[in-house]
Amino acid sequence: MRRAMERLGQPIEIAKAILFLATEDSSFCTGTVLVADGGWTAG
């Protein structure tokens, strides 16, 4: 199996992406999809 990051993601990495969306840091993000897949869909 090929992955851009050459490793599997850790649950904490997904949790951090969710936390970002739940904070004011993401207040300017609208109508987008945050892909946290380690580059799987990039290539």
PDB file of N, CA and C in Angstrom:
ATOM      1  N   MET A   1       0.841  -1.169   0.000  1.00  0.00           N
ATOM      2  CA  MET A   1       0.000   0.000   0.000  1.00  0.00           C
ATOM      3  C   MET A   1       0.892   1.240   0.000  1.00  0.00           C
ATOM      4  N   ARG A   2       0.588   2.214  -0.855  1.00  0.00           N
ATOM      5  CA  ARG A   2       1.393   3.432  -0.939  1.00  0.00           C
ATOM      6  C   ARG A   2       0.643   4.587  -0.294  1.00  0.00           C
ATOM      7  N   ARG A   3       1.367   5.345   0.491  1.00  0.00           N
ATOM      8  CA  ARG A   3       0.823   6.528   1.144  1.00  0.00           C
ATOM      9  C   ARG A   3       1.833   7.664   0.994  1.00  0.00           C
ATOM     10  N   ALA A   4       1.338   8.869   0.798  1.00  0.00           N
ATOM     11  CA  ALA A   4       2.240  10.019   0.644  1.00  0.00           C
ATOM     12  C   ALA A   4       3.087  10.242   1.892  1.00  0.00           C
ATOM     13  N   MET A   5       2.531  10.003   3.056  1.00  0.00           N
ATOM     14  CA  MET A   5       3.253  10.232   4.305  1.00  0.00           C
ATOM     15  C   MET A   5       4.075   9.018   4.730  1.00  0.00           C
ATOM     16  N   GLU A   6       3.934   7.903   4.040  1.00  0.00           N
ATOM     17  CA  GLU A   6       4.667   6.677   4.343  1.00  0.00           C
ATOM     18  C   GLU A   6       4.392   6.128   5.745  1.00  0.00           C
ATOM     19  N   ARG A   7       3.221   6.456   6.288  1.00  0.00           N
ATOM     20  CA  ARG A   7       2.804   5.924   7.583  1.00  0.00           C
ATOM     21  C   ARG A   7       1.298   6.070   7.718  1.00  0.00           C
ATOM     22  N   LEU A   8       0.738   5.362   8.658  1.00  0.00           N
ATOM     23  CA  LEU A   8      -0.676   5.523   8.959  1.00  0.00           C
ATOM     24  C   LEU A   8      -0.861   6.703   9.900  1.00  0.00           C
ATOM     25  N   GLY A   9      -2.013   7.323   9.802  1.00  0.00           N
ATOM     26  CA  GLY A   9      -2.315   8.430  10.691  1.00  0.00           C
ATOM     27  C   GLY A   9      -2.634   7.952  12.095  1.00  0.00           C
ATOM     28  N   GLN A  10      -2.445   8.840  13.038  1.00  0.00           N
ATOM     29  CA  GLN A  10      -2.744   8.556  14.431  1.00  0.00           C
ATOM     30  C   GLN A  10      -4.063   9.234  14.810  1.00  0.00           C
ATOM     31  N   PRO A  11      -4.824   8.632  15.712  1.00  0.00           N
ATOM     32  CA  PRO A  11      -6.093   9.242  16.125  1.00  0.00           C
ATOM     33  C   PRO A  11      -5.948  10.688  16.603  1.00  0.00           C
ATOM     34  N   ILE A  12      -4.857  11.022  17.253  1.00  0.00           N
ATOM     35  CA  ILE A  12      -4.650  12.388  17.729  1.00  0.00           C
ATOM     36  C   ILE A  12      -4.577  13.372  16.564  1.00  0.00           C
ATOM     37  N   GLU A  13      -4.088  12.932  15.413  1.00  0.00           N
ATOM     38  CA  GLU A  13      -3.995  13.815  14.249  1.00  0.00           C
ATOM     39  C   GLU A  13      -5.382  14.161  13.710  1.00  0.00           C
ATOM     40  N   ILE A  14      -6.285  13.211  13.743  1.00  0.00           N
ATOM     41  CA  ILE A  14      -7.663  13.483  13.330  1.00  0.00           C
ATOM     42  C   ILE A  14      -8.343  14.373  14.371  1.00  0.00           C
ATOM     43  N   ALA A  15      -8.091  14.092  15.648  1.00  0.00           N
ATOM     44  CA  ALA A  15      -8.672  14.901  16.714  1.00  0.00           C
ATOM     45  C   ALA A  15      -8.242  16.356  16.609  1.00  0.00           C
ATOM     46  N   LYS A  16      -6.992  16.588  16.232  1.00  0.00           N
ATOM     47  CA  LYS A  16      -6.505  17.963  16.086  1.00  0.00           C
ATOM     48  C   LYS A  16      -7.196  18.688  14.935  1.00  0.00           C
ATOM     49  N   ALA A  17      -7.493  17.972  13.861  1.00  0.00           N
ATOM     50  CA  ALA A  17      -8.224  18.577  12.738  1.00  0.00           C
ATOM     51  C   ALA A  17      -9.642  18.951  13.173  1.00  0.00           C
ATOM     52  N   ILE A  18     -10.275  18.068  13.934  1.00  0.00           N
ATOM     53  CA  ILE A  18     -11.624  18.355  14.443  1.00  0.00           C
ATOM     54  C   ILE A  18     -11.584  19.537  15.404  1.00  0.00           C
ATOM     55  N   LEU A  19     -10.593  19.549  16.275  1.00  0.00           N
ATOM     56  CA  LEU A  19     -10.458  20.650  17.228  1.00  0.00           C
ATOM     57  C   LEU A  19     -10.285  21.979  16.498  1.00  0.00           C
ATOM     58  N   PHE A  20      -9.500  21.996  15.446  1.00  0.00           N
ATOM     59  CA  PHE A  20      -9.327  23.218  14.653  1.00  0.00           C
ATOM     60  C   PHE A  20     -10.671  23.735  14.162  1.00  0.00           C
ATOM     61  N   LEU A  21     -11.508  22.840  13.637  1.00  0.00           N
ATOM     62  CA  LEU A  21     -12.808  23.257  13.115  1.00  0.00           C
ATOM     63  C   LEU A  21     -13.749  23.738  14.212  1.00  0.00           C
ATOM     64  N   ALA A  22     -13.507  23.318  15.447  1.00  0.00           N
ATOM     65  CA  ALA A  22     -14.366  23.694  16.568  1.00  0.00           C
ATOM     66  C   ALA A  22     -13.913  24.981  17.259  1.00  0.00           C
ATOM     67  N   THR A  23     -12.822  25.585  16.783  1.00  0.00           N
ATOM     68  CA  THR A  23     -12.316  26.794  17.433  1.00  0.00           C
ATOM     69  C   THR A  23     -12.490  28.018  16.548  1.00  0.00           C
ATOM     70  N   GLU A  24     -12.234  29.168  17.134  1.00  0.00           N
ATOM     71  CA  GLU A  24     -12.291  30.427  16.389  1.00  0.00           C
ATOM     72  C   GLU A  24     -11.230  30.498  15.292  1.00  0.00           C
ATOM     73  N   ASP A  25     -10.188  29.674  15.375  1.00  0.00           N
ATOM     74  CA  ASP A  25      -9.149  29.679  14.337  1.00  0.00           C
ATOM     75  C   ASP A  25      -9.714  29.348  12.966  1.00  0.00           C
ATOM     76  N   SER A  26     -10.828  28.649  12.916  1.00  0.00           N
ATOM     77  CA  SER A  26     -11.430  28.277  11.636  1.00  0.00           C
ATOM     78  C   SER A  26     -12.600  29.177  11.258  1.00  0.00           C
ATOM     79  N   SER A  27     -12.738  30.316  11.923  1.00  0.00           N
ATOM     80  CA  SER A  27     -13.907  31.173  11.724  1.00  0.00           C
ATOM     81  C   SER A  27     -14.037  31.710  10.298  1.00  0.00           C
ATOM     82  N   PHE A  28     -12.968  31.763   9.535  1.00  0.00           N
ATOM     83  CA  PHE A  28     -13.030  32.280   8.174  1.00  0.00           C
ATOM     84  C   PHE A  28     -13.192  31.167   7.144  1.00  0.00           C
ATOM     85  N   CYS A  29     -13.214  29.922   7.583  1.00  0.00           N
ATOM     86  CA  CYS A  29     -13.401  28.775   6.695  1.00  0.00           C
ATOM     87  C   CYS A  29     -14.886  28.554   6.455  1.00  0.00           C
ATOM     88  N   THR A  30     -15.283  28.571   5.201  1.00  0.00           N
ATOM     89  CA  THR A  30     -16.686  28.326   4.864  1.00  0.00           C
ATOM     90  C   THR A  30     -16.772  27.436   3.635  1.00  0.00           C
ATOM     91  N   GLY A  31     -17.684  26.497   3.650  1.00  0.00           N
ATOM     92  CA  GLY A  31     -17.966  25.683   2.484  1.00  0.00           C
ATOM     93  C   GLY A  31     -16.783  24.901   1.949  1.00  0.00           C
ATOM     94  N   THR A  32     -16.019  24.316   2.803  1.00  0.00           N
ATOM     95  CA  THR A  32     -14.858  23.565   2.352  1.00  0.00           C
ATOM     96  C   THR A  32     -14.827  22.204   3.039  1.00  0.00           C
ATOM     97  N   VAL A  33     -14.026  21.321   2.511  1.00  0.00           N
ATOM     98  CA  VAL A  33     -13.819  20.006   3.105  1.00  0.00           C
ATOM     99  C   VAL A  33     -12.381  19.938   3.573  1.00  0.00           C
ATOM    100  N   LEU A  34     -12.196  19.629   4.834  1.00  0.00           N
ATOM    101  CA  LEU A  34     -10.854  19.471   5.380  1.00  0.00           C
ATOM    102  C   LEU A  34     -10.490  17.996   5.267  1.00  0.00           C
ATOM    103  N   VAL A  35      -9.532  17.703   4.418  1.00  0.00           N
ATOM    104  CA  VAL A  35      -9.117  16.316   4.192  1.00  0.00           C
ATOM    105  C   VAL A  35      -7.898  16.039   5.062  1.00  0.00           C
ATOM    106  N   ALA A  36      -8.050  15.112   5.990  1.00  0.00           N
ATOM    107  CA  ALA A  36      -6.948  14.723   6.874  1.00  0.00           C
ATOM    108  C   ALA A  36      -6.631  13.264   6.592  1.00  0.00           C
ATOM    109  N   ASP A  37      -5.981  13.029   5.458  1.00  0.00           N
ATOM    110  CA  ASP A  37      -5.731  11.648   5.037  1.00  0.00           C
ATOM    111  C   ASP A  37      -4.261  11.376   4.731  1.00  0.00           C
ATOM    112  N   GLY A  38      -3.393  12.262   5.159  1.00  0.00           N
ATOM    113  CA  GLY A  38      -1.958  12.050   4.965  1.00  0.00           C
ATOM    114  C   GLY A  38      -1.523  12.051   3.496  1.00  0.00           C
ATOM    115  N   GLY A  39      -2.316  12.640   2.631  1.00  0.00           N
ATOM    116  CA  GLY A  39      -1.975  12.722   1.222  1.00  0.00           C
ATOM    117  C   GLY A  39      -2.530  11.578   0.380  1.00  0.00           C
ATOM    118  N   TRP A  40      -3.343  10.722   0.970  1.00  0.00           N
ATOM    119  CA  TRP A  40      -3.896   9.553   0.263  1.00  0.00           C
ATOM    120  C   TRP A  40      -4.628   9.962  -1.024  1.00  0.00           C
ATOM    121  N   THR A  41      -5.433  11.027  -0.971  1.00  0.00           N
ATOM    122  CA  THR A  41      -6.205  11.448  -2.143  1.00  0.00           C
ATOM    123  C   THR A  41      -5.429  12.360  -3.078  1.00  0.00           C
ATOM    124  N   ALA A  42      -4.224  12.765  -2.703  1.00  0.00           N
ATOM    125  CA  ALA A  42      -3.441  13.684  -3.533  1.00  0.00           C
ATOM    126  C   ALA A  42      -2.841  13.006  -4.755  1.00  0.00           C
ATOM    127  N   GLY A  43      -2.664  11.747  -4.696  1.00  0.00           N
ATOM    128  CA  GLY A  43      -1.977  11.164  -5.823  1.00  0.00           C
ATOM    129  C   GLY A  43      -2.498   9.827  -6.178  1.00  0.00           C
TER     130      GLY A  43
END
